[in-house]
Structures are given as structure tokens and as C-alpha cells.
Amino acid sequence: SLDVGMLPMDGVAILCTAMLVAAAFLTTILHRHRMTSI
């Protein structure tokens, strides 16, 4: 159901979410480079 109230999105929230997704993606892709993945 999409009829419930959602929290408003702002620039900071979008930036943090994008960084979270990108960091998780890089951790997976670069897992053989130990220090970079850490």
C-alpha cells in the first residue's frame, strides 16, 4: 500500500542514501582489494 504518509526527501537524505548504495556496491565489487573494501 502506497497510501501511507512518507517522510519528505531532501538533498542531504538523497546524498546520504546515494553514498550508502555506492559504498555498498564498491564493497562488493572491490572485495578482493582488502583495504579499499574495508
PDB file of all heavy atoms in Angstrom:
ATOM      1  N   SER A   1       0.849  -1.188   0.000  1.00  0.00           N
ATOM      2  CA  SER A   1       0.000   0.000   0.000  1.00  0.00           C
ATOM      3  C   SER A   1       0.883   1.236   0.000  1.00  0.00           C
ATOM      4  O   SER A   1       1.767   1.384   0.848  1.00  0.00           O
ATOM      5  CB  SER A   1      -0.914  -0.001   1.233  1.00  0.00           C
ATOM      6  OG  SER A   1      -1.646   1.201   1.301  1.00  0.00           O
ATOM      7  N   LEU A   2       0.654   2.125  -0.949  1.00  0.00           N
ATOM      8  CA  LEU A   2       1.424   3.358  -1.053  1.00  0.00           C
ATOM      9  C   LEU A   2       0.632   4.561  -0.559  1.00  0.00           C
ATOM     10  O   LEU A   2       0.992   5.711  -0.831  1.00  0.00           O
ATOM     11  CB  LEU A   2       1.843   3.580  -2.516  1.00  0.00           C
ATOM     12  CG  LEU A   2       2.692   2.463  -3.140  1.00  0.00           C
ATOM     13  CD1 LEU A   2       3.000   2.783  -4.600  1.00  0.00           C
ATOM     14  CD2 LEU A   2       3.981   2.247  -2.362  1.00  0.00           C
ATOM     15  N   ASP A   3      -0.461   4.304   0.159  1.00  0.00           N
ATOM     16  CA  ASP A   3      -1.314   5.389   0.624  1.00  0.00           C
ATOM     17  C   ASP A   3      -0.890   5.951   1.973  1.00  0.00           C
ATOM     18  O   ASP A   3      -1.522   6.863   2.489  1.00  0.00           O
ATOM     19  CB  ASP A   3      -2.771   4.902   0.725  1.00  0.00           C
ATOM     20  CG  ASP A   3      -3.308   4.455  -0.635  1.00  0.00           C
ATOM     21  OD1 ASP A   3      -2.817   4.977  -1.653  1.00  0.00           O
ATOM     22  OD2 ASP A   3      -4.194   3.588  -0.653  1.00  0.00           O
ATOM     23  N   VAL A   4       0.152   5.381   2.575  1.00  0.00           N
ATOM     24  CA  VAL A   4       0.597   5.851   3.888  1.00  0.00           C
ATOM     25  C   VAL A   4       1.496   7.058   3.715  1.00  0.00           C
ATOM     26  O   VAL A   4       2.089   7.296   2.657  1.00  0.00           O
ATOM     27  CB  VAL A   4       1.338   4.727   4.637  1.00  0.00           C
ATOM     28  CG1 VAL A   4       0.412   3.580   4.928  1.00  0.00           C
ATOM     29  CG2 VAL A   4       2.542   4.263   3.839  1.00  0.00           C
ATOM     30  N   GLY A   5       1.615   7.860   4.787  1.00  0.00           N
ATOM     31  CA  GLY A   5       2.448   9.042   4.740  1.00  0.00           C
ATOM     32  C   GLY A   5       3.931   8.696   4.715  1.00  0.00           C
ATOM     33  O   GLY A   5       4.387   7.821   5.450  1.00  0.00           O
ATOM     34  N   MET A   6       4.670   9.361   3.868  1.00  0.00           N
ATOM     35  CA  MET A   6       6.107   9.134   3.741  1.00  0.00           C
ATOM     36  C   MET A   6       6.871  10.347   4.270  1.00  0.00           C
ATOM     37  O   MET A   6       6.366  11.469   4.259  1.00  0.00           O
ATOM     38  CB  MET A   6       6.477   8.888   2.270  1.00  0.00           C
ATOM     39  CG  MET A   6       5.751   7.718   1.638  1.00  0.00           C
ATOM     40  SD  MET A   6       6.341   6.128   2.275  1.00  0.00           S
ATOM     41  CE  MET A   6       5.335   4.999   1.296  1.00  0.00           C
ATOM     42  N   LEU A   7       8.103  10.093   4.709  1.00  0.00           N
ATOM     43  CA  LEU A   7       8.973  11.184   5.130  1.00  0.00           C
ATOM     44  C   LEU A   7       9.401  11.993   3.909  1.00  0.00           C
ATOM     45  O   LEU A   7       9.671  11.426   2.847  1.00  0.00           O
ATOM     46  CB  LEU A   7      10.200  10.655   5.856  1.00  0.00           C
ATOM     47  CG  LEU A   7       9.974  10.063   7.244  1.00  0.00           C
ATOM     48  CD1 LEU A   7      11.297   9.507   7.781  1.00  0.00           C
ATOM     49  CD2 LEU A   7       9.428  11.101   8.197  1.00  0.00           C
ATOM     50  N   PRO A   8       9.468  13.303   4.023  1.00  0.00           N
ATOM     51  CA  PRO A   8       9.907  14.108   2.874  1.00  0.00           C
ATOM     52  C   PRO A   8      11.380  13.871   2.571  1.00  0.00           C
ATOM     53  O   PRO A   8      12.198  13.653   3.465  1.00  0.00           O
ATOM     54  CB  PRO A   8       9.650  15.547   3.342  1.00  0.00           C
ATOM     55  CG  PRO A   8       9.696  15.471   4.842  1.00  0.00           C
ATOM     56  CD  PRO A   8       9.142  14.131   5.199  1.00  0.00           C
ATOM     57  N   MET A   9      11.747  13.921   1.312  1.00  0.00           N
ATOM     58  CA  MET A   9      13.120  13.735   0.878  1.00  0.00           C
ATOM     59  C   MET A   9      13.774  15.105   0.674  1.00  0.00           C
ATOM     60  O   MET A   9      13.167  16.019   0.120  1.00  0.00           O
ATOM     61  CB  MET A   9      13.171  12.947  -0.431  1.00  0.00           C
ATOM     62  CG  MET A   9      12.687  11.520  -0.307  1.00  0.00           C
ATOM     63  SD  MET A   9      13.758  10.508   0.735  1.00  0.00           S
ATOM     64  CE  MET A   9      15.251  10.495  -0.263  1.00  0.00           C
ATOM     65  N   ASP A  10      14.991  15.251   1.157  1.00  0.00           N
ATOM     66  CA  ASP A  10      15.749  16.467   0.937  1.00  0.00           C
ATOM     67  C   ASP A  10      17.097  16.117   0.346  1.00  0.00           C
ATOM     68  O   ASP A  10      17.443  14.946   0.159  1.00  0.00           O
ATOM     69  CB  ASP A  10      15.907  17.252   2.245  1.00  0.00           C
ATOM     70  CG  ASP A  10      16.442  16.389   3.378  1.00  0.00           C
ATOM     71  OD1 ASP A  10      17.327  15.553   3.115  1.00  0.00           O
ATOM     72  OD2 ASP A  10      15.960  16.546   4.516  1.00  0.00           O
ATOM     73  N   GLY A  11      17.886  17.131   0.078  1.00  0.00           N
ATOM     74  CA  GLY A  11      19.171  16.911  -0.560  1.00  0.00           C
ATOM     75  C   GLY A  11      20.132  16.083   0.270  1.00  0.00           C
ATOM     76  O   GLY A  11      20.841  15.219  -0.258  1.00  0.00           O
ATOM     77  N   VAL A  12      20.149  16.328   1.584  1.00  0.00           N
ATOM     78  CA  VAL A  12      21.054  15.590   2.463  1.00  0.00           C
ATOM     79  C   VAL A  12      20.674  14.107   2.505  1.00  0.00           C
ATOM     80  O   VAL A  12      21.536  13.223   2.432  1.00  0.00           O
ATOM     81  CB  VAL A  12      21.044  16.201   3.882  1.00  0.00           C
ATOM     82  CG1 VAL A  12      21.912  15.369   4.822  1.00  0.00           C
ATOM     83  CG2 VAL A  12      21.525  17.631   3.841  1.00  0.00           C
ATOM     84  N   ALA A  13      19.363  13.834   2.608  1.00  0.00           N
ATOM     85  CA  ALA A  13      18.916  12.438   2.656  1.00  0.00           C
ATOM     86  C   ALA A  13      19.238  11.718   1.356  1.00  0.00           C
ATOM     87  O   ALA A  13      19.690  10.565   1.356  1.00  0.00           O
ATOM     88  CB  ALA A  13      17.424  12.384   2.939  1.00  0.00           C
ATOM     89  N   ILE A  14      19.024  12.402   0.230  1.00  0.00           N
ATOM     90  CA  ILE A  14      19.318  11.780  -1.068  1.00  0.00           C
ATOM     91  C   ILE A  14      20.809  11.531  -1.208  1.00  0.00           C
ATOM     92  O   ILE A  14      21.244  10.454  -1.670  1.00  0.00           O
ATOM     93  CB  ILE A  14      18.801  12.681  -2.203  1.00  0.00           C
ATOM     94  CG1 ILE A  14      17.263  12.769  -2.150  1.00  0.00           C
ATOM     95  CG2 ILE A  14      19.254  12.151  -3.552  1.00  0.00           C
ATOM     96  CD1 ILE A  14      16.674  13.717  -3.162  1.00  0.00           C
ATOM     97  N   LEU A  15      21.641  12.488  -0.773  1.00  0.00           N
ATOM     98  CA  LEU A  15      23.084  12.324  -0.866  1.00  0.00           C
ATOM     99  C   LEU A  15      23.575  11.167   0.007  1.00  0.00           C
ATOM    100  O   LEU A  15      24.381  10.331  -0.433  1.00  0.00           O
ATOM    101  CB  LEU A  15      23.776  13.620  -0.457  1.00  0.00           C
ATOM    102  CG  LEU A  15      25.315  13.581  -0.431  1.00  0.00           C
ATOM    103  CD1 LEU A  15      25.856  13.294  -1.826  1.00  0.00           C
ATOM    104  CD2 LEU A  15      25.872  14.897   0.103  1.00  0.00           C
ATOM    105  N   CYS A  16      23.082  11.093   1.247  1.00  0.00           N
ATOM    106  CA  CYS A  16      23.499  10.013   2.142  1.00  0.00           C
ATOM    107  C   CYS A  16      23.064   8.653   1.615  1.00  0.00           C
ATOM    108  O   CYS A  16      23.818   7.669   1.696  1.00  0.00           O
ATOM    109  CB  CYS A  16      22.932  10.255   3.540  1.00  0.00           C
ATOM    110  SG  CYS A  16      23.680  11.652   4.412  1.00  0.00           S
ATOM    111  N   THR A  17      21.847   8.580   1.076  1.00  0.00           N
ATOM    112  CA  THR A  17      21.365   7.318   0.516  1.00  0.00           C
ATOM    113  C   THR A  17      22.201   6.895  -0.682  1.00  0.00           C
ATOM    114  O   THR A  17      22.558   5.713  -0.832  1.00  0.00           O
ATOM    115  CB  THR A  17      19.889   7.446   0.111  1.00  0.00           C
ATOM    116  OG1 THR A  17      19.115   7.879   1.231  1.00  0.00           O
ATOM    117  CG2 THR A  17      19.350   6.121  -0.383  1.00  0.00           C
ATOM    118  N   ALA A  18      22.537   7.866  -1.545  1.00  0.00           N
ATOM    119  CA  ALA A  18      23.364   7.553  -2.708  1.00  0.00           C
ATOM    120  C   ALA A  18      24.753   7.081  -2.272  1.00  0.00           C
ATOM    121  O   ALA A  18      25.315   6.129  -2.846  1.00  0.00           O
ATOM    122  CB  ALA A  18      23.482   8.783  -3.612  1.00  0.00           C
ATOM    123  N   MET A  19      25.319   7.724  -1.252  1.00  0.00           N
ATOM    124  CA  MET A  19      26.626   7.300  -0.748  1.00  0.00           C
ATOM    125  C   MET A  19      26.551   5.907  -0.136  1.00  0.00           C
ATOM    126  O   MET A  19      27.474   5.090  -0.288  1.00  0.00           O
ATOM    127  CB  MET A  19      27.141   8.304   0.286  1.00  0.00           C
ATOM    128  CG  MET A  19      27.503   9.662  -0.281  1.00  0.00           C
ATOM    129  SD  MET A  19      28.073  10.810   1.001  1.00  0.00           S
ATOM    130  CE  MET A  19      29.556   9.980   1.562  1.00  0.00           C
ATOM    131  N   LEU A  20      25.449   5.611   0.550  1.00  0.00           N
ATOM    132  CA  LEU A  20      25.272   4.282   1.140  1.00  0.00           C
ATOM    133  C   LEU A  20      25.230   3.214   0.061  1.00  0.00           C
ATOM    134  O   LEU A  20      25.910   2.173   0.157  1.00  0.00           O
ATOM    135  CB  LEU A  20      23.993   4.262   1.974  1.00  0.00           C
ATOM    136  CG  LEU A  20      23.564   2.919   2.585  1.00  0.00           C
ATOM    137  CD1 LEU A  20      24.617   2.428   3.562  1.00  0.00           C
ATOM    138  CD2 LEU A  20      22.220   3.044   3.274  1.00  0.00           C
ATOM    139  N   VAL A  21      24.435   3.464  -0.982  1.00  0.00           N
ATOM    140  CA  VAL A  21      24.327   2.484  -2.069  1.00  0.00           C
ATOM    141  C   VAL A  21      25.655   2.335  -2.799  1.00  0.00           C
ATOM    142  O   VAL A  21      26.106   1.220  -3.104  1.00  0.00           O
ATOM    143  CB  VAL A  21      23.204   2.908  -3.038  1.00  0.00           C
ATOM    144  CG1 VAL A  21      23.166   1.982  -4.254  1.00  0.00           C
ATOM    145  CG2 VAL A  21      21.854   2.902  -2.334  1.00  0.00           C
ATOM    146  N   ALA A  22      26.311   3.467  -3.074  1.00  0.00           N
ATOM    147  CA  ALA A  22      27.583   3.410  -3.800  1.00  0.00           C
ATOM    148  C   ALA A  22      28.656   2.692  -2.989  1.00  0.00           C
ATOM    149  O   ALA A  22      29.427   1.889  -3.527  1.00  0.00           O
ATOM    150  CB  ALA A  22      28.038   4.829  -4.140  1.00  0.00           C
ATOM    151  N   ALA A  23      28.716   2.975  -1.680  1.00  0.00           N
ATOM    152  CA  ALA A  23      29.720   2.324  -0.842  1.00  0.00           C
ATOM    153  C   ALA A  23      29.470   0.823  -0.743  1.00  0.00           C
ATOM    154  O   ALA A  23      30.413   0.017  -0.777  1.00  0.00           O
ATOM    155  CB  ALA A  23      29.727   2.960   0.546  1.00  0.00           C
ATOM    156  N   ALA A  24      28.192   0.436  -0.611  1.00  0.00           N
ATOM    157  CA  ALA A  24      27.874  -0.995  -0.566  1.00  0.00           C
ATOM    158  C   ALA A  24      28.241  -1.668  -1.884  1.00  0.00           C
ATOM    159  O   ALA A  24      28.772  -2.794  -1.910  1.00  0.00           O
ATOM    160  CB  ALA A  24      26.389  -1.179  -0.264  1.00  0.00           C
ATOM    161  N   PHE A  25      27.981  -0.982  -2.985  1.00  0.00           N
ATOM    162  CA  PHE A  25      28.320  -1.532  -4.307  1.00  0.00           C
ATOM    163  C   PHE A  25      29.834  -1.668  -4.461  1.00  0.00           C
ATOM    164  O   PHE A  25      30.332  -2.699  -4.939  1.00  0.00           O
ATOM    165  CB  PHE A  25      27.743  -0.618  -5.396  1.00  0.00           C
ATOM    166  CG  PHE A  25      27.931  -1.142  -6.788  1.00  0.00           C
ATOM    167  CD1 PHE A  25      27.151  -2.178  -7.270  1.00  0.00           C
ATOM    168  CD2 PHE A  25      28.902  -0.601  -7.612  1.00  0.00           C
ATOM    169  CE1 PHE A  25      27.329  -2.672  -8.551  1.00  0.00           C
ATOM    170  CE2 PHE A  25      29.084  -1.084  -8.897  1.00  0.00           C
ATOM    171  CZ  PHE A  25      28.296  -2.122  -9.363  1.00  0.00           C
ATOM    172  N   LEU A  26      30.588  -0.652  -4.034  1.00  0.00           N
ATOM    173  CA  LEU A  26      32.040  -0.709  -4.143  1.00  0.00           C
ATOM    174  C   LEU A  26      32.615  -1.801  -3.241  1.00  0.00           C
ATOM    175  O   LEU A  26      33.591  -2.470  -3.606  1.00  0.00           O
ATOM    176  CB  LEU A  26      32.643   0.645  -3.770  1.00  0.00           C
ATOM    177  CG  LEU A  26      32.488   1.761  -4.814  1.00  0.00           C
ATOM    178  CD1 LEU A  26      33.040   3.069  -4.257  1.00  0.00           C
ATOM    179  CD2 LEU A  26      33.193   1.397  -6.108  1.00  0.00           C
ATOM    180  N   THR A  27      32.020  -1.976  -2.053  1.00  0.00           N
ATOM    181  CA  THR A  27      32.495  -3.036  -1.157  1.00  0.00           C
ATOM    182  C   THR A  27      32.374  -4.402  -1.816  1.00  0.00           C
ATOM    183  O   THR A  27      33.251  -5.261  -1.671  1.00  0.00           O
ATOM    184  CB  THR A  27      31.704  -3.014   0.157  1.00  0.00           C
ATOM    185  OG1 THR A  27      31.824  -1.723   0.768  1.00  0.00           O
ATOM    186  CG2 THR A  27      32.224  -4.062   1.123  1.00  0.00           C
ATOM    187  N   THR A  28      31.287  -4.584  -2.560  1.00  0.00           N
ATOM    188  CA  THR A  28      31.078  -5.863  -3.236  1.00  0.00           C
ATOM    189  C   THR A  28      32.000  -6.031  -4.441  1.00  0.00           C
ATOM    190  O   THR A  28      32.614  -7.090  -4.636  1.00  0.00           O
ATOM    191  CB  THR A  28      29.614  -5.975  -3.688  1.00  0.00           C
ATOM    192  OG1 THR A  28      28.755  -5.776  -2.566  1.00  0.00           O
ATOM    193  CG2 THR A  28      29.337  -7.335  -4.289  1.00  0.00           C
ATOM    194  N   ILE A  29      32.113  -4.981  -5.238  1.00  0.00           N
ATOM    195  CA  ILE A  29      32.909  -5.072  -6.464  1.00  0.00           C
ATOM    196  C   ILE A  29      34.401  -5.173  -6.153  1.00  0.00           C
ATOM    197  O   ILE A  29      35.140  -5.936  -6.794  1.00  0.00           O
ATOM    198  CB  ILE A  29      32.629  -3.855  -7.368  1.00  0.00           C
ATOM    199  CG1 ILE A  29      31.150  -3.843  -7.792  1.00  0.00           C
ATOM    200  CG2 ILE A  29      33.541  -3.876  -8.587  1.00  0.00           C
ATOM    201  CD1 ILE A  29      30.721  -5.053  -8.570  1.00  0.00           C
ATOM    202  N   LEU A  30      34.856  -4.415  -5.148  1.00  0.00           N
ATOM    203  CA  LEU A  30      36.286  -4.354  -4.832  1.00  0.00           C
ATOM    204  C   LEU A  30      36.654  -5.228  -3.645  1.00  0.00           C
ATOM    205  O   LEU A  30      37.588  -4.912  -2.906  1.00  0.00           O
ATOM    206  CB  LEU A  30      36.680  -2.900  -4.547  1.00  0.00           C
ATOM    207  CG  LEU A  30      36.381  -1.888  -5.654  1.00  0.00           C
ATOM    208  CD1 LEU A  30      36.751  -0.492  -5.209  1.00  0.00           C
ATOM    209  CD2 LEU A  30      37.135  -2.252  -6.939  1.00  0.00           C
ATOM    210  N   HIS A  31      35.936  -6.322  -3.441  1.00  0.00           N
ATOM    211  CA  HIS A  31      36.187  -7.129  -2.246  1.00  0.00           C
ATOM    212  C   HIS A  31      37.552  -7.800  -2.271  1.00  0.00           C
ATOM    213  O   HIS A  31      38.077  -8.180  -1.225  1.00  0.00           O
ATOM    214  CB  HIS A  31      35.086  -8.193  -2.100  1.00  0.00           C
ATOM    215  CG  HIS A  31      35.120  -9.247  -3.158  1.00  0.00           C
ATOM    216  ND1 HIS A  31      34.548  -9.051  -4.401  1.00  0.00           N
ATOM    217  CD2 HIS A  31      35.667 -10.492  -3.181  1.00  0.00           C
ATOM    218  CE1 HIS A  31      34.726 -10.139  -5.134  1.00  0.00           C
ATOM    219  NE2 HIS A  31      35.406 -11.022  -4.429  1.00  0.00           N
ATOM    220  N   ARG A  32      38.169  -7.948  -3.444  1.00  0.00           N
ATOM    221  CA  ARG A  32      39.499  -8.555  -3.497  1.00  0.00           C
ATOM    222  C   ARG A  32      40.595  -7.568  -3.090  1.00  0.00           C
ATOM    223  O   ARG A  32      41.691  -7.979  -2.757  1.00  0.00           O
ATOM    224  CB  ARG A  32      39.767  -9.114  -4.888  1.00  0.00           C
ATOM    225  CG  ARG A  32      39.017 -10.420  -5.171  1.00  0.00           C
ATOM    226  CD  ARG A  32      39.500 -11.071  -6.438  1.00  0.00           C
ATOM    227  NE  ARG A  32      39.169 -10.269  -7.596  1.00  0.00           N
ATOM    228  CZ  ARG A  32      38.017 -10.346  -8.258  1.00  0.00           C
ATOM    229  NH1 ARG A  32      37.090 -11.203  -7.851  1.00  0.00           N
ATOM    230  NH2 ARG A  32      37.780  -9.601  -9.295  1.00  0.00           N
ATOM    231  N   HIS A  33      40.308  -6.272  -3.161  1.00  0.00           N
ATOM    232  CA  HIS A  33      41.233  -5.252  -2.667  1.00  0.00           C
ATOM    233  C   HIS A  33      40.867  -4.976  -1.215  1.00  0.00           C
ATOM    234  O   HIS A  33      39.965  -4.178  -0.921  1.00  0.00           O
ATOM    235  CB  HIS A  33      41.136  -3.984  -3.511  1.00  0.00           C
ATOM    236  CG  HIS A  33      41.410  -4.212  -4.963  1.00  0.00           C
ATOM    237  ND1 HIS A  33      42.664  -4.081  -5.515  1.00  0.00           N
ATOM    238  CD2 HIS A  33      40.593  -4.598  -5.978  1.00  0.00           C
ATOM    239  CE1 HIS A  33      42.610  -4.350  -6.814  1.00  0.00           C
ATOM    240  NE2 HIS A  33      41.366  -4.672  -7.122  1.00  0.00           N
ATOM    241  N   ARG A  34      41.522  -5.621  -0.296  1.00  0.00           N
ATOM    242  CA  ARG A  34      41.066  -5.668   1.090  1.00  0.00           C
ATOM    243  C   ARG A  34      40.951  -4.298   1.726  1.00  0.00           C
ATOM    244  O   ARG A  34      39.929  -3.961   2.324  1.00  0.00           O
ATOM    245  CB  ARG A  34      41.993  -6.574   1.911  1.00  0.00           C
ATOM    246  CG  ARG A  34      42.027  -8.015   1.418  1.00  0.00           C
ATOM    247  CD  ARG A  34      42.739  -8.890   2.415  1.00  0.00           C
ATOM    248  NE  ARG A  34      42.893 -10.259   1.929  1.00  0.00           N
ATOM    249  CZ  ARG A  34      41.957 -11.191   1.974  1.00  0.00           C
ATOM    250  NH1 ARG A  34      40.783 -10.893   2.482  1.00  0.00           N
ATOM    251  NH2 ARG A  34      42.188 -12.411   1.525  1.00  0.00           N
ATOM    252  N   MET A  35      42.006  -3.478   1.632  1.00  0.00           N
ATOM    253  CA  MET A  35      41.970  -2.185   2.297  1.00  0.00           C
ATOM    254  C   MET A  35      40.905  -1.274   1.691  1.00  0.00           C
ATOM    255  O   MET A  35      40.191  -0.558   2.408  1.00  0.00           O
ATOM    256  CB  MET A  35      43.352  -1.535   2.219  1.00  0.00           C
ATOM    257  CG  MET A  35      43.491  -0.282   3.086  1.00  0.00           C
ATOM    258  SD  MET A  35      43.136  -0.598   4.831  1.00  0.00           S
ATOM    259  CE  MET A  35      44.455  -1.744   5.220  1.00  0.00           C
ATOM    260  N   THR A  36      40.786  -1.293   0.365  1.00  0.00           N
ATOM    261  CA  THR A  36      39.762  -0.466  -0.286  1.00  0.00           C
ATOM    262  C   THR A  36      38.362  -0.903   0.119  1.00  0.00           C
ATOM    263  O   THR A  36      37.485  -0.070   0.382  1.00  0.00           O
ATOM    264  CB  THR A  36      39.918  -0.547  -1.819  1.00  0.00           C
ATOM    265  OG1 THR A  36      41.250  -0.195  -2.175  1.00  0.00           O
ATOM    266  CG2 THR A  36      38.948   0.395  -2.504  1.00  0.00           C
ATOM    267  N   SER A  37      38.133  -2.214   0.189  1.00  0.00           N
ATOM    268  CA  SER A  37      36.804  -2.696   0.577  1.00  0.00           C
ATOM    269  C   SER A  37      36.499  -2.371   2.033  1.00  0.00           C
ATOM    270  O   SER A  37      35.348  -2.069   2.375  1.00  0.00           O
ATOM    271  CB  SER A  37      36.718  -4.210   0.340  1.00  0.00           C
ATOM    272  OG  SER A  37      37.672  -4.897   1.132  1.00  0.00           O
ATOM    273  N   ILE A  38      37.517  -2.386   2.908  1.00  0.00           N
ATOM    274  CA  ILE A  38      37.286  -2.017   4.310  1.00  0.00           C
ATOM    275  C   ILE A  38      36.882  -0.557   4.419  1.00  0.00           C
ATOM    276  O   ILE A  38      35.969  -0.182   5.165  1.00  0.00           O
ATOM    277  CB  ILE A  38      38.539  -2.317   5.154  1.00  0.00           C
ATOM    278  CG1 ILE A  38      38.738  -3.818   5.301  1.00  0.00           C
ATOM    279  CG2 ILE A  38      38.438  -1.675   6.531  1.00  0.00           C
ATOM    280  CD1 ILE A  38      39.987  -4.187   6.059  1.00  0.00           C
TER     281      ILE A  38
END
